[in-house]
Every structure is written in C-alpha cells, then in structure tokens.
Amino acid sequence: TLFRSGSDWRAWLSTKVLSAGQGILVIDTGGTSTVAVNATVVPTYFKGSASLGFPGISNGACATDQAISVPGAAPGDAVAPGWPPLLPGLFGTMFASGANTIAVRLCNLSGMTVFPAIATFSATIVRSF
C-alpha cells in the first residue's frame, strides 16, 4: 500500500529509479510504471500427493506405476519426491509421465516378496531461473 501510518509514500517513490532484473519486468507507459513478475523465469512450484496402495511386489521386480495428480506438471519436469517410510529393500522413482501426472514406480530388491502398506506419497515440481 502507498499509504502507511498516515504517510503518503508516492513522493518517495517519485524519486526512485525502477530497474528490471532477472524475472522482474518494469513497463513504463508515460507517468505510470508497472512492476511485474515474469512467470516464465521466476520459480514456480506445483505440488500434489496421493494415498497409494501397491500390490505385493516380487523380489527383483517393480510394481505397476501408480499416479499422483500434480496440476501444472509436464513431461520432462524434474520431480522432488516425498517418500513415506518404506520397507527395507524397496526403492522407487517418480517422474512426470504426462500432463498433470507424476508416475510413482516402486521396486523390490529385498530378497523376498513384500506387501507395502497403503501410504501417502507426494511430489513437487520446481521450475526456476
């Protein structure tokens, strides 16, 4: 806000020079300057989570991929996975498999068939400079 504690800050702003930096746009049209964020450059976060139940996974195998909906995700995006506690010998990967979709792949190298409990998995996409 330009008015704070009874002061009018417009006079202070009139003496300042606005300079654009990485991710910041300054558009000057006559007596008006507009400062905006360039969403194509500034970091954007997309998050999602889901309660997933994987079937029994044989040793040396991976379960069928399951999906987490993450609106805004696109194929090729890097995924920061949020894993629940997993049974020993299980490992997994997450990747953007389609528009708005993160695939969760869970594999087993424990030496025996395992039956993972239903758990909450989360994924975050970060697009940055």
Protein backbone atom coordinates (compact mmCIF):
# COMPACT_ATOMS: atom_id res chain seq x y z
CA THR A 1 0.00 0.00 0.00
CA LEU A 2 1.20 3.53 -0.70
CA PHE A 3 -0.31 4.95 2.47
CA ARG A 4 1.19 3.76 5.73
CA SER A 5 0.96 5.27 9.20
CA GLY A 6 -0.60 8.41 7.85
CA SER A 7 2.24 8.98 5.34
CA ASP A 8 1.89 9.31 1.58
CA TRP A 9 4.75 7.29 0.04
CA ARG A 10 4.06 8.43 -3.53
CA ALA A 11 6.51 11.32 -3.16
CA TRP A 12 9.22 8.91 -2.01
CA LEU A 13 8.53 6.63 -4.97
CA SER A 14 8.75 9.51 -7.42
CA THR A 15 12.45 9.92 -6.60
CA LYS A 16 13.29 6.26 -7.10
CA VAL A 17 14.54 4.61 -10.29
CA LEU A 18 12.99 1.24 -11.09
CA SER A 19 15.29 -1.26 -12.78
CA ALA A 20 14.26 -4.64 -14.07
CA GLY A 21 16.28 -7.66 -13.02
CA GLN A 22 16.10 -11.34 -13.84
CA GLY A 23 12.45 -12.33 -13.60
CA ILE A 24 11.24 -8.79 -12.96
CA LEU A 25 9.63 -6.64 -15.64
CA VAL A 26 9.23 -2.86 -15.47
CA ILE A 27 6.86 -1.40 -18.01
CA ASP A 28 6.86 2.38 -18.24
CA THR A 29 3.91 3.98 -20.01
CA GLY A 30 4.03 7.74 -19.60
CA GLY A 31 3.52 8.61 -15.95
CA THR A 32 2.81 5.03 -14.89
CA SER A 33 5.36 2.33 -14.15
CA THR A 34 4.18 -1.24 -13.72
CA VAL A 35 6.38 -3.77 -11.96
CA ALA A 36 5.53 -7.40 -12.74
CA VAL A 37 6.96 -10.86 -12.18
CA ASN A 38 7.91 -12.79 -15.31
CA ALA A 39 6.37 -16.20 -14.58
CA THR A 40 8.49 -17.83 -17.30
CA VAL A 41 11.64 -17.04 -15.31
CA VAL A 42 10.72 -16.90 -11.61
CA PRO A 43 10.50 -20.22 -9.77
CA THR A 44 7.11 -21.91 -9.87
CA TYR A 45 6.07 -24.74 -7.58
CA PHE A 46 3.49 -27.43 -8.25
CA LYS A 47 2.65 -29.95 -5.52
CA GLY A 48 0.46 -32.97 -5.16
CA SER A 49 0.05 -36.05 -3.01
CA ALA A 50 -1.95 -39.25 -3.03
CA SER A 51 -2.58 -42.25 -0.86
CA LEU A 52 -1.27 -45.18 -2.91
CA GLY A 53 -1.63 -48.90 -2.32
CA PHE A 54 0.83 -51.10 -4.20
CA PRO A 55 0.17 -54.84 -4.56
CA GLY A 56 2.70 -57.45 -3.44
CA ILE A 57 6.00 -56.87 -5.26
CA SER A 58 8.17 -59.88 -6.08
CA ASN A 59 11.91 -59.74 -5.46
CA GLY A 60 13.73 -58.15 -8.40
CA ALA A 61 10.54 -56.65 -9.82
CA CYS A 62 8.73 -53.33 -9.91
CA ALA A 63 5.04 -52.80 -9.30
CA THR A 64 2.85 -51.24 -11.96
CA ASP A 65 3.29 -47.45 -11.88
CA GLN A 66 0.74 -45.51 -9.88
CA ALA A 67 -0.13 -41.85 -10.37
CA ILE A 68 -0.17 -38.65 -8.37
CA SER A 69 -2.13 -35.74 -9.85
CA VAL A 70 0.00 -32.58 -9.90
CA PRO A 71 -1.80 -29.83 -11.83
CA GLY A 72 0.71 -27.95 -13.97
CA ALA A 73 3.24 -30.78 -14.24
CA ALA A 74 4.54 -31.55 -17.73
CA PRO A 75 6.61 -34.40 -19.19
CA GLY A 76 10.31 -33.71 -18.64
CA ASP A 77 9.82 -31.75 -15.40
CA ALA A 78 12.18 -32.68 -12.58
CA VAL A 79 10.38 -34.16 -9.58
CA ALA A 80 11.34 -33.78 -5.92
CA PRO A 81 9.77 -36.92 -4.40
CA GLY A 82 8.23 -37.12 -0.96
CA TRP A 83 8.51 -40.73 0.15
CA PRO A 84 6.68 -42.32 3.07
CA PRO A 85 8.68 -44.74 5.24
CA LEU A 86 9.36 -47.76 3.01
CA LEU A 87 10.06 -51.37 3.85
CA PRO A 88 13.75 -52.39 3.71
CA GLY A 89 14.78 -53.35 0.19
CA LEU A 90 12.20 -51.16 -1.54
CA PHE A 91 13.25 -48.23 -3.69
CA GLY A 92 11.41 -46.06 -6.12
CA THR A 93 11.42 -43.27 -8.61
CA MET A 94 8.99 -40.54 -9.60
CA PHE A 95 8.77 -38.85 -12.98
CA ALA A 96 6.39 -36.61 -14.91
CA SER A 97 4.74 -39.16 -17.19
CA GLY A 98 2.15 -36.86 -18.75
CA ALA A 99 0.32 -33.58 -18.37
CA ASN A 100 -0.60 -33.07 -14.70
CA THR A 101 0.60 -36.59 -13.83
CA ILE A 102 3.53 -37.91 -11.79
CA ALA A 103 4.21 -41.64 -12.06
CA VAL A 104 5.39 -43.45 -8.94
CA ARG A 105 7.38 -46.62 -9.57
CA LEU A 106 8.18 -48.83 -6.58
CA CYS A 107 10.67 -51.72 -6.91
CA ASN A 108 11.84 -54.52 -4.64
CA LEU A 109 15.38 -55.81 -4.06
CA SER A 110 14.73 -57.21 -0.58
CA GLY A 111 15.21 -60.91 -1.46
CA MET A 112 11.53 -61.78 -0.92
CA THR A 113 8.05 -60.68 -1.96
CA VAL A 114 6.91 -57.62 0.01
CA PHE A 115 3.47 -56.15 0.58
CA PRO A 116 3.76 -52.38 1.09
CA ALA A 117 1.13 -50.73 3.26
CA ILE A 118 -1.06 -48.01 1.80
CA ALA A 119 0.84 -44.75 2.29
CA THR A 120 0.87 -41.11 1.23
CA PHE A 121 3.35 -40.21 -1.49
CA SER A 122 3.96 -36.60 -2.54
CA ALA A 123 5.66 -34.88 -5.44
CA THR A 124 6.88 -31.33 -6.00
CA ILE A 125 7.82 -29.77 -9.31
CA VAL A 126 10.09 -26.72 -9.20
CA ARG A 127 10.64 -24.64 -12.30
CA SER A 128 13.26 -21.99 -11.76
CA PHE A 129 15.61 -19.49 -13.37
